[in-house]
N, C-alpha and C. Protein backbone atom coordinates (compact mmCIF):
# COMPACT_ATOMS: atom_id res chain seq x y z
N MET A 1 -31.74 8.22 11.69
CA MET A 1 -31.54 6.98 10.81
C MET A 1 -30.60 7.32 9.94
N SER A 2 -29.78 6.77 9.58
CA SER A 2 -28.22 7.07 8.78
C SER A 2 -28.51 7.38 7.40
N ARG A 3 -27.68 8.57 6.91
CA ARG A 3 -27.84 8.80 5.48
C ARG A 3 -26.20 8.49 5.09
N ILE A 4 -26.31 6.89 4.86
CA ILE A 4 -26.22 6.23 3.80
C ILE A 4 -26.22 5.95 2.21
N THR A 5 -24.86 6.92 1.45
CA THR A 5 -25.35 6.69 -0.37
C THR A 5 -23.84 5.49 -1.21
N LEU A 6 -24.96 5.54 -1.67
CA LEU A 6 -24.17 3.83 -1.90
C LEU A 6 -23.76 5.31 -3.83
N THR A 7 -22.94 5.02 -4.51
CA THR A 7 -22.25 5.37 -5.58
C THR A 7 -22.61 4.58 -6.96
N SER A 8 -22.99 4.57 -8.04
CA SER A 8 -23.77 4.27 -9.53
C SER A 8 -22.11 3.14 -9.58
N ALA A 9 -21.46 3.30 -8.85
CA ALA A 9 -20.49 2.54 -8.79
C ALA A 9 -20.72 0.58 -8.11
N ALA A 10 -21.54 1.54 -6.68
CA ALA A 10 -21.10 -0.05 -6.04
C ALA A 10 -22.83 -0.08 -6.54
N ARG A 11 -23.66 0.28 -6.78
CA ARG A 11 -24.99 -0.15 -6.78
C ARG A 11 -24.81 -0.61 -8.03
N GLU A 12 -24.11 -0.65 -9.19
CA GLU A 12 -23.97 -2.00 -10.40
C GLU A 12 -23.26 -2.85 -10.08
N ALA A 13 -22.54 -2.61 -9.02
CA ALA A 13 -21.50 -3.99 -8.60
C ALA A 13 -22.09 -5.26 -7.50
N LEU A 14 -23.17 -5.07 -6.92
CA LEU A 14 -23.76 -5.39 -6.53
C LEU A 14 -25.05 -6.34 -7.16
N ARG A 15 -24.96 -7.44 -7.13
CA ARG A 15 -25.63 -8.89 -8.25
C ARG A 15 -27.04 -8.79 -7.67
N ASP A 16 -28.27 -9.87 -7.99
CA ASP A 16 -29.02 -10.08 -7.52
C ASP A 16 -29.20 -10.72 -6.49
N GLY A 17 -29.97 -9.28 -5.32
CA GLY A 17 -30.13 -10.55 -4.04
C GLY A 17 -29.07 -10.29 -2.97
N GLU A 18 -28.07 -9.45 -3.62
CA GLU A 18 -27.25 -8.87 -2.43
C GLU A 18 -27.32 -7.48 -1.72
N VAL A 19 -26.62 -7.35 -0.70
CA VAL A 19 -26.79 -6.58 0.04
C VAL A 19 -24.98 -5.86 0.24
N VAL A 20 -25.06 -4.76 0.53
CA VAL A 20 -23.66 -4.15 1.68
C VAL A 20 -23.51 -4.22 2.95
N PHE A 21 -23.18 -4.53 3.47
CA PHE A 21 -22.80 -5.24 4.50
C PHE A 21 -21.11 -4.40 5.32
N PHE A 22 -21.88 -3.60 5.97
CA PHE A 22 -20.30 -3.63 7.26
C PHE A 22 -20.26 -4.15 8.00
N ASP A 23 -19.28 -4.97 8.50
CA ASP A 23 -19.23 -6.20 9.42
C ASP A 23 -18.25 -5.27 10.35
N TRP A 24 -18.04 -5.74 11.89
CA TRP A 24 -17.71 -5.24 12.97
C TRP A 24 -16.36 -6.40 13.13
N HIS A 25 -15.33 -6.69 13.35
CA HIS A 25 -14.06 -7.14 13.55
C HIS A 25 -13.28 -6.99 15.23
N VAL A 26 -13.57 -7.71 16.23
CA VAL A 26 -13.25 -7.69 17.40
C VAL A 26 -11.19 -7.57 16.83
N THR A 27 -10.55 -6.04 17.85
CA THR A 27 -9.81 -5.83 17.44
C THR A 27 -9.12 -6.24 18.57
N GLY A 28 -9.32 -5.73 19.57
CA GLY A 28 -9.00 -5.76 21.43
C GLY A 28 -9.54 -7.35 21.84
N LEU A 29 -8.48 -6.96 22.98
CA LEU A 29 -8.83 -9.04 24.09
C LEU A 29 -9.02 -8.50 25.01
N CYS A 30 -9.44 -6.64 25.45
CA CYS A 30 -9.70 -7.10 27.31
C CYS A 30 -11.12 -6.00 26.72
N CYS A 31 -11.82 -5.48 25.38
CA CYS A 31 -13.14 -4.69 25.22
C CYS A 31 -13.46 -5.19 24.43
N ALA A 32 -15.44 -5.42 23.80
CA ALA A 32 -15.57 -6.39 22.98
C ALA A 32 -16.24 -5.05 21.77
N ASP A 33 -15.89 -3.92 22.17
CA ASP A 33 -16.22 -3.20 21.20
C ASP A 33 -14.87 -2.46 20.44
N ALA A 34 -13.79 -2.95 20.63
CA ALA A 34 -12.21 -2.36 19.80
C ALA A 34 -12.28 -3.25 19.18
N GLY A 35 -12.65 -2.51 17.70
CA GLY A 35 -12.68 -3.16 16.38
C GLY A 35 -12.58 -2.40 15.48
N GLU A 36 -12.53 -2.85 14.74
CA GLU A 36 -12.39 -1.89 12.70
C GLU A 36 -13.80 -2.44 11.91
N PHE A 37 -13.76 -1.68 10.83
CA PHE A 37 -15.04 -2.26 9.71
C PHE A 37 -14.65 -2.53 9.12
N SER A 38 -15.36 -3.25 8.69
CA SER A 38 -15.16 -3.85 7.14
C SER A 38 -16.50 -3.49 6.31
N VAL A 39 -16.48 -3.38 4.46
CA VAL A 39 -17.44 -3.34 3.92
C VAL A 39 -17.24 -4.24 2.52
N ARG A 40 -18.58 -5.42 3.04
CA ARG A 40 -18.78 -6.24 1.35
C ARG A 40 -20.26 -6.15 1.23
N ALA A 41 -19.89 -7.46 -0.28
CA ALA A 41 -21.13 -7.40 -0.32
C ALA A 41 -21.71 -8.85 -0.23
N VAL A 42 -22.52 -9.04 0.36
CA VAL A 42 -23.63 -10.24 1.37
C VAL A 42 -24.68 -10.39 0.57
N ARG A 43 -24.56 -12.05 0.10
CA ARG A 43 -26.08 -12.24 -0.26
C ARG A 43 -27.77 -12.46 0.62
N ARG A 44 -28.47 -11.50 0.63
CA ARG A 44 -29.17 -11.26 1.82
C ARG A 44 -29.77 -11.82 2.59
N ALA A 45 -29.71 -13.63 1.28
CA ALA A 45 -30.25 -14.65 2.51
C ALA A 45 -29.22 -14.88 3.74
N ARG A 46 -27.85 -14.35 3.35
CA ARG A 46 -26.82 -14.90 4.45
C ARG A 46 -26.89 -14.29 5.30
N LEU A 47 -27.63 -12.73 4.90
CA LEU A 47 -27.04 -12.65 6.51
C LEU A 47 -27.02 -12.47 7.76
N PRO A 48 -26.47 -11.72 8.73
CA PRO A 48 -26.66 -12.53 9.96
C PRO A 48 -27.23 -12.06 10.54
N ARG A 49 -27.79 -13.14 11.30
CA ARG A 49 -29.72 -12.83 11.75
C ARG A 49 -29.95 -11.58 12.58
N ARG A 50 -28.87 -10.49 13.48
CA ARG A 50 -28.94 -10.13 14.07
C ARG A 50 -28.74 -8.57 13.00
N ALA A 51 -28.58 -8.70 11.71
CA ALA A 51 -27.96 -7.72 10.89
C ALA A 51 -28.75 -6.65 11.93
N ARG A 52 -28.47 -4.95 11.37
CA ARG A 52 -29.39 -4.77 11.46
C ARG A 52 -29.65 -3.06 10.03
N PRO A 53 -30.86 -2.93 9.46
CA PRO A 53 -30.48 -1.84 8.28
C PRO A 53 -29.84 -0.69 8.38
N LEU A 54 -29.22 -0.14 7.41
CA LEU A 54 -28.74 1.41 7.73
C LEU A 54 -29.42 2.22 6.19
N GLY A 55 -29.97 3.21 7.00
CA GLY A 55 -30.67 3.77 5.68
C GLY A 55 -31.92 3.80 5.33
N ARG A 56 -32.70 3.69 4.44
CA ARG A 56 -33.64 3.71 4.12
C ARG A 56 -33.98 2.90 2.61
N SER A 57 -32.38 2.81 2.10
CA SER A 57 -32.87 2.12 0.56
C SER A 57 -32.52 0.74 0.77
N GLY A 58 -32.73 0.39 1.99
CA GLY A 58 -32.65 -1.63 1.67
C GLY A 58 -31.25 -2.11 1.61
N LEU A 59 -31.06 -1.62 0.48
CA LEU A 59 -29.35 -2.07 0.28
C LEU A 59 -28.55 -2.16 0.67
N VAL A 60 -28.31 -1.84 2.34
CA VAL A 60 -27.05 -1.33 3.26
C VAL A 60 -27.62 -2.11 4.48
N TYR A 61 -26.40 -3.22 4.88
CA TYR A 61 -26.78 -3.59 6.36
C TYR A 61 -25.65 -3.22 7.45
N ALA A 62 -25.46 -3.74 8.68
CA ALA A 62 -24.83 -3.66 9.81
C ALA A 62 -24.72 -4.29 10.69
N HIS A 63 -23.47 -4.44 11.66
CA HIS A 63 -23.36 -5.46 12.28
C HIS A 63 -24.23 -4.82 13.45
N PRO A 64 -24.57 -4.99 14.74
CA PRO A 64 -25.22 -3.91 15.50
C PRO A 64 -24.14 -3.56 16.22
N THR A 65 -22.70 -3.48 16.09
CA THR A 65 -21.74 -3.54 17.07
C THR A 65 -21.88 -2.19 15.93
N ALA A 66 -21.17 -1.87 14.72
CA ALA A 66 -20.72 -1.62 13.80
C ALA A 66 -22.01 -0.32 13.39
N TRP A 67 -23.59 -0.91 13.61
CA TRP A 67 -24.75 -0.52 13.52
C TRP A 67 -25.16 1.12 14.34
N VAL A 68 -24.33 0.67 16.42
CA VAL A 68 -23.86 1.98 17.72
C VAL A 68 -23.74 2.93 16.61
N HIS A 69 -22.26 3.02 15.87
CA HIS A 69 -21.38 3.19 15.45
C HIS A 69 -21.57 4.45 13.90
N LEU A 70 -21.76 3.82 13.15
CA LEU A 70 -22.32 4.67 12.36
C LEU A 70 -24.22 5.49 12.08
N THR A 71 -24.61 5.32 13.08
CA THR A 71 -26.57 5.58 12.62
C THR A 71 -26.32 6.80 13.06
N GLY A 72 -27.40 7.84 11.70
CA GLY A 72 -27.01 8.87 12.42
C GLY A 72 -25.34 9.63 11.75
N LEU A 73 -24.45 8.77 10.81
CA LEU A 73 -23.47 9.69 10.00
C LEU A 73 -24.05 10.04 8.91
N PRO A 74 -23.26 10.25 8.01
CA PRO A 74 -23.10 10.71 6.84
C PRO A 74 -22.11 9.50 5.92
N VAL A 75 -21.98 8.69 5.34
CA VAL A 75 -21.37 7.58 4.84
C VAL A 75 -21.54 7.34 3.08
N THR A 76 -20.30 7.02 2.64
CA THR A 76 -20.28 6.70 1.01
C THR A 76 -19.81 6.24 0.86
N VAL A 77 -21.05 4.94 -0.07
CA VAL A 77 -20.17 3.52 -0.30
C VAL A 77 -19.98 3.49 -1.94
N ASP A 78 -18.66 3.14 -1.88
CA ASP A 78 -17.90 3.06 -3.29
C ASP A 78 -17.99 1.43 -3.75
N CYS A 79 -17.77 1.14 -4.72
CA CYS A 79 -16.82 -0.09 -5.83
C CYS A 79 -16.30 -0.15 -6.32
N ARG A 80 -14.50 -0.29 -6.40
CA ARG A 80 -13.53 0.26 -6.69
C ARG A 80 -13.03 -1.49 -7.33
N PRO A 81 -13.65 -2.05 -8.12
CA PRO A 81 -13.20 -2.89 -8.77
C PRO A 81 -10.98 -3.41 -8.88
N LEU A 82 -11.01 -4.31 -8.50
CA LEU A 82 -9.90 -4.80 -8.99
C LEU A 82 -9.17 -6.07 -9.75
N TRP A 83 -9.40 -5.77 -10.75
CA TRP A 83 -8.99 -7.09 -11.54
C TRP A 83 -10.31 -7.54 -11.69
N ARG A 84 -10.74 -8.78 -11.43
CA ARG A 84 -11.44 -9.47 -11.50
C ARG A 84 -12.43 -9.61 -9.65
N TRP A 85 -12.39 -9.06 -8.86
CA TRP A 85 -13.09 -8.62 -7.67
C TRP A 85 -13.60 -7.14 -7.65
N ARG A 86 -14.33 -7.50 -6.22
CA ARG A 86 -15.43 -6.14 -5.80
C ARG A 86 -14.44 -6.27 -4.91
N ARG A 87 -13.84 -4.63 -4.59
CA ARG A 87 -13.62 -3.80 -3.75
C ARG A 87 -14.55 -3.27 -3.18
N PHE A 88 -15.53 -3.05 -2.22
CA PHE A 88 -16.60 -2.22 -1.19
C PHE A 88 -15.49 -1.58 -0.38
N VAL A 89 -15.73 -0.44 -0.61
CA VAL A 89 -14.94 1.02 0.03
C VAL A 89 -16.02 1.88 0.85
N SER A 90 -15.65 2.84 2.03
CA SER A 90 -16.89 3.19 2.28
C SER A 90 -15.69 5.06 2.57
N ASP A 91 -16.11 6.34 2.81
CA ASP A 91 -15.31 7.46 2.77
C ASP A 91 -15.26 7.06 4.45
N LEU A 92 -15.24 6.53 5.07
CA LEU A 92 -14.64 6.59 6.85
C LEU A 92 -13.31 6.79 6.95
N PRO A 93 -12.88 7.43 7.87
CA PRO A 93 -10.98 7.42 7.95
C PRO A 93 -11.20 5.93 8.43
N PRO A 94 -9.46 5.39 8.42
CA PRO A 94 -8.66 4.61 8.38
C PRO A 94 -9.16 3.72 10.05
N ASP A 95 -8.63 4.93 10.54
CA ASP A 95 -9.17 4.63 12.10
C ASP A 95 -10.58 4.88 12.72
N ALA A 96 -11.40 4.60 12.31
CA ALA A 96 -13.00 5.42 13.12
C ALA A 96 -13.28 4.26 13.46
N GLY A 97 -12.55 2.69 13.88
CA GLY A 97 -13.05 1.45 15.13
C GLY A 97 -12.34 2.29 16.04
N LEU A 98 -11.22 2.65 15.94
CA LEU A 98 -10.39 3.37 17.28
C LEU A 98 -11.25 4.18 17.41
N ARG A 99 -11.25 4.92 17.06
CA ARG A 99 -12.25 6.17 17.25
C ARG A 99 -13.16 5.88 18.08
N CYS A 100 -14.21 4.66 17.38
CA CYS A 100 -15.77 4.60 18.02
C CYS A 100 -14.93 3.76 20.01
N CYS A 101 -13.98 3.13 19.06
CA CYS A 101 -13.60 2.58 20.71
C CYS A 101 -13.31 3.33 22.25
N LEU A 102 -13.19 4.42 21.43
CA LEU A 102 -11.92 5.32 22.27
C LEU A 102 -12.66 7.10 22.47
N GLY A 103 -14.21 6.45 22.23
CA GLY A 103 -15.26 7.31 22.35
C GLY A 103 -15.01 8.68 21.49
N ARG A 104 -13.73 8.90 20.89
CA ARG A 104 -14.33 9.99 20.02
C ARG A 104 -15.02 9.89 18.39
N PRO A 105 -15.52 11.09 18.23
CA PRO A 105 -17.07 10.76 17.06
C PRO A 105 -15.76 10.64 15.72
N ILE A 106 -16.53 9.84 14.61
CA ILE A 106 -15.43 9.58 14.13
C ILE A 106 -15.78 10.90 12.62
N ASP A 107 -16.85 11.43 12.88
CA ASP A 107 -16.91 12.96 11.83
C ASP A 107 -15.72 13.57 12.31
N GLY A 108 -15.04 14.05 13.08
CA GLY A 108 -14.47 14.56 13.52
C GLY A 108 -14.94 15.69 14.22
N SER A 109 -15.83 15.94 14.42
CA SER A 109 -16.07 16.87 16.08
C SER A 109 -16.29 16.90 17.25
N LEU A 110 -15.71 17.95 17.99
CA LEU A 110 -15.42 18.02 19.22
C LEU A 110 -16.81 17.84 19.78
N GLN A 111 -18.10 17.05 19.63
CA GLN A 111 -19.42 18.41 19.97
C GLN A 111 -19.14 17.99 21.67
N GLY A 112 -19.43 18.58 22.45
CA GLY A 112 -18.89 18.94 24.71
C GLY A 112 -18.33 18.79 24.72
N ARG A 113 -16.95 19.77 23.92
CA ARG A 113 -15.96 19.66 24.55
C ARG A 113 -15.71 21.07 24.99
């Protein structure tokens, strides 16, 4: 099970009926798993059918490909307001998607090497 933590700012930024969604954006032309993560607020009713829950709070979901890479990782989600917009961010490294598609762990550990 994932250890997803929402900061107080992230919890307060969520509106009624919204959840945090980790989306997966394909960036590779040759491989379906080459991609990057994004984090955004989505109305629960508008979640993709294939979205899978992350953690036990019921407030965080992920695209199936992102879920595979994030499950079991400790991830913190924060919200940084930018004027009128809400910008949800995570503490994942900026190259997390690239690391995943190359088989490298996101957390930096080199288990099995």
